[in-house]
Amino acid sequence: MEISPDAAAANVDKQAFMQIVQNLLSNAYKYRKEGGVCRVKIQTRKSGDFLELKVEDEGIGLPESAIDKIFDRFYQVRMDPARKIGGTGLGLYITKELVLLHKGKITVASTLGEGTVFTLELPALPTETEKGKDE
């Protein structure tokens, strides 16, 4: 886990934020390489008025055709019929909805066979230095 020194707190509902992180970590585990270890890298940094959080895994990745659909309700990537990956296809849909309710943004980048990176942008709380500028 890497937290940039300029990464201030985000203006989020704690329970909703925990659900977002849980969904992303759960997917990283479910879509790890068969028999492989689940490695996840989490980075945060301040980006303008937002706190940027990246969740990166070394899993099976996504086919390019799935990228535009990954946040759709009930969508599940089916790549290996022999591998039974459970779920309802709601986790990433709920994650995106929670991010949007916080006036944030979520994007995904993935390379098949190498892993996936989810990037969240959530409104950051002003730092003490920024608060002083407004007064």
Protein backbone atom coordinates (compact mmCIF):
# COMPACT_ATOMS: atom_id res chain seq x y z
CA MET A 1 0.00 0.00 0.00
CA GLU A 2 1.37 3.39 -0.97
CA ILE A 3 -0.08 6.62 0.42
CA SER A 4 1.30 9.82 -1.03
CA PRO A 5 2.13 12.51 1.56
CA ASP A 6 -0.21 14.92 -0.25
CA ALA A 7 -3.13 12.47 -0.13
CA ALA A 8 -5.70 14.17 2.06
CA ALA A 9 -8.83 12.53 3.36
CA ALA A 10 -11.71 11.96 0.96
CA ASN A 11 -15.19 13.27 1.60
CA VAL A 12 -16.97 9.89 1.70
CA ASP A 13 -19.46 7.90 3.69
CA LYS A 14 -17.34 5.40 5.63
CA GLN A 15 -19.69 2.44 5.12
CA ALA A 16 -20.06 3.12 1.38
CA PHE A 17 -16.29 3.52 1.00
CA MET A 18 -15.69 0.21 2.76
CA GLN A 19 -18.18 -1.46 0.38
CA ILE A 20 -16.31 -0.01 -2.61
CA VAL A 21 -12.95 -1.29 -1.38
CA GLN A 22 -14.41 -4.67 -0.39
CA ASN A 23 -15.92 -5.13 -3.86
CA LEU A 24 -12.63 -4.32 -5.59
CA LEU A 25 -10.59 -6.58 -3.31
CA SER A 26 -13.14 -9.38 -3.66
CA ASN A 27 -12.89 -9.20 -7.45
CA ALA A 28 -9.10 -9.21 -7.29
CA TYR A 29 -9.30 -12.43 -5.29
CA LYS A 30 -11.97 -14.09 -7.45
CA TYR A 31 -10.17 -13.25 -10.69
CA ARG A 32 -6.65 -14.17 -9.60
CA LYS A 33 -4.71 -16.57 -11.79
CA GLU A 34 -5.78 -20.16 -11.17
CA GLY A 35 -3.84 -21.55 -8.21
CA GLY A 36 -2.05 -18.23 -7.88
CA VAL A 37 -1.55 -15.82 -5.03
CA CYS A 38 -3.75 -12.75 -4.90
CA ARG A 39 -1.49 -9.69 -4.94
CA VAL A 40 -3.08 -6.26 -4.76
CA LYS A 41 -1.33 -2.91 -4.81
CA ILE A 42 -3.22 0.11 -3.48
CA GLN A 43 -1.97 3.64 -4.13
CA THR A 44 -3.43 6.99 -3.13
CA ARG A 45 -2.48 10.50 -4.13
CA LYS A 46 -4.08 13.91 -4.38
CA SER A 47 -5.09 14.92 -7.88
CA GLY A 48 -6.55 18.43 -7.97
CA ASP A 49 -9.72 18.46 -5.86
CA PHE A 50 -9.83 14.68 -5.78
CA LEU A 51 -8.22 11.85 -3.89
CA GLU A 52 -7.13 9.24 -6.41
CA LEU A 53 -7.13 5.64 -5.28
CA LYS A 54 -5.73 2.90 -7.51
CA VAL A 55 -6.36 -0.78 -6.85
CA GLU A 56 -4.11 -2.90 -9.02
CA ASP A 57 -4.03 -6.69 -9.20
CA GLU A 58 -1.96 -9.30 -11.04
CA GLY A 59 -4.94 -11.45 -11.94
CA ILE A 60 -6.29 -12.86 -15.18
CA GLY A 61 -7.20 -9.45 -16.57
CA LEU A 62 -10.10 -8.59 -18.83
CA PRO A 63 -10.61 -9.01 -22.54
CA GLU A 64 -10.88 -5.67 -24.33
CA SER A 65 -14.50 -6.48 -25.23
CA ALA A 66 -15.45 -6.48 -21.52
CA ILE A 67 -14.02 -3.07 -20.58
CA ASP A 68 -17.09 -1.08 -21.72
CA LYS A 69 -19.51 -3.49 -19.99
CA ILE A 70 -17.71 -4.19 -16.71
CA PHE A 71 -19.83 -1.74 -14.69
CA ASP A 72 -23.17 -2.86 -16.19
CA ARG A 73 -25.74 -4.44 -13.90
CA PHE A 74 -25.58 -8.27 -13.90
CA TYR A 75 -22.60 -8.36 -16.29
CA GLN A 76 -20.03 -11.06 -15.62
CA VAL A 77 -16.96 -11.88 -17.64
CA ARG A 78 -17.06 -15.52 -18.71
CA MET A 79 -13.69 -16.57 -20.04
CA ASP A 80 -13.07 -20.08 -18.76
CA PRO A 81 -16.12 -22.34 -18.50
CA ALA A 82 -14.15 -24.83 -16.40
CA ARG A 83 -13.45 -22.23 -13.72
CA LYS A 84 -16.44 -21.54 -11.54
CA ILE A 85 -16.39 -17.91 -10.42
CA GLY A 86 -19.46 -17.11 -8.39
CA GLY A 87 -21.28 -13.85 -8.05
CA THR A 88 -24.30 -11.95 -9.26
CA GLY A 89 -22.65 -9.44 -11.56
CA LEU A 90 -23.66 -6.60 -9.24
CA GLY A 91 -20.41 -5.84 -7.40
CA LEU A 92 -18.88 -3.44 -9.91
CA TYR A 93 -22.26 -1.96 -10.77
CA ILE A 94 -22.83 -1.14 -7.08
CA THR A 95 -19.25 0.11 -6.78
CA LYS A 96 -19.74 2.54 -9.67
CA GLU A 97 -23.09 3.74 -8.31
CA LEU A 98 -21.55 4.41 -4.87
CA VAL A 99 -18.66 6.31 -6.47
CA LEU A 100 -21.09 8.39 -8.54
CA LEU A 101 -23.19 9.16 -5.45
CA HIS A 102 -20.03 10.67 -3.95
CA LYS A 103 -19.60 12.82 -7.09
CA GLY A 104 -16.57 10.75 -8.02
CA LYS A 105 -15.40 8.72 -10.97
CA ILE A 106 -14.16 5.15 -11.51
CA THR A 107 -12.25 3.81 -14.50
CA VAL A 108 -10.67 0.50 -15.37
CA ALA A 109 -7.63 -0.52 -17.40
CA SER A 110 -6.72 -4.13 -17.95
CA THR A 111 -4.42 -6.41 -19.88
CA LEU A 112 -5.59 -9.95 -20.46
CA GLY A 113 -3.35 -12.37 -18.57
CA GLU A 114 -1.56 -9.61 -16.65
CA GLY A 115 -4.04 -7.88 -14.37
CA THR A 116 -6.40 -5.00 -13.85
CA VAL A 117 -6.22 -1.48 -12.42
CA PHE A 118 -9.27 0.31 -11.06
CA THR A 119 -8.83 4.04 -10.51
CA LEU A 120 -11.23 5.91 -8.23
CA GLU A 121 -11.43 9.66 -7.95
CA LEU A 122 -13.30 10.87 -4.88
CA PRO A 123 -13.72 14.46 -3.67
CA ALA A 124 -10.88 15.29 -1.30
CA LEU A 125 -11.34 17.21 1.90
CA PRO A 126 -9.32 20.45 1.87
CA THR A 127 -6.00 20.25 3.67
CA GLU A 128 -5.20 22.68 6.50
CA THR A 129 -3.08 24.71 4.04
CA GLU A 130 -5.95 24.93 1.56
CA LYS A 131 -8.40 25.92 4.30
CA GLY A 132 -6.12 28.83 5.21
CA LYS A 133 -6.16 30.10 1.62
CA ASP A 134 -9.97 30.32 1.62
CA GLU A 135 -10.13 32.43 4.77
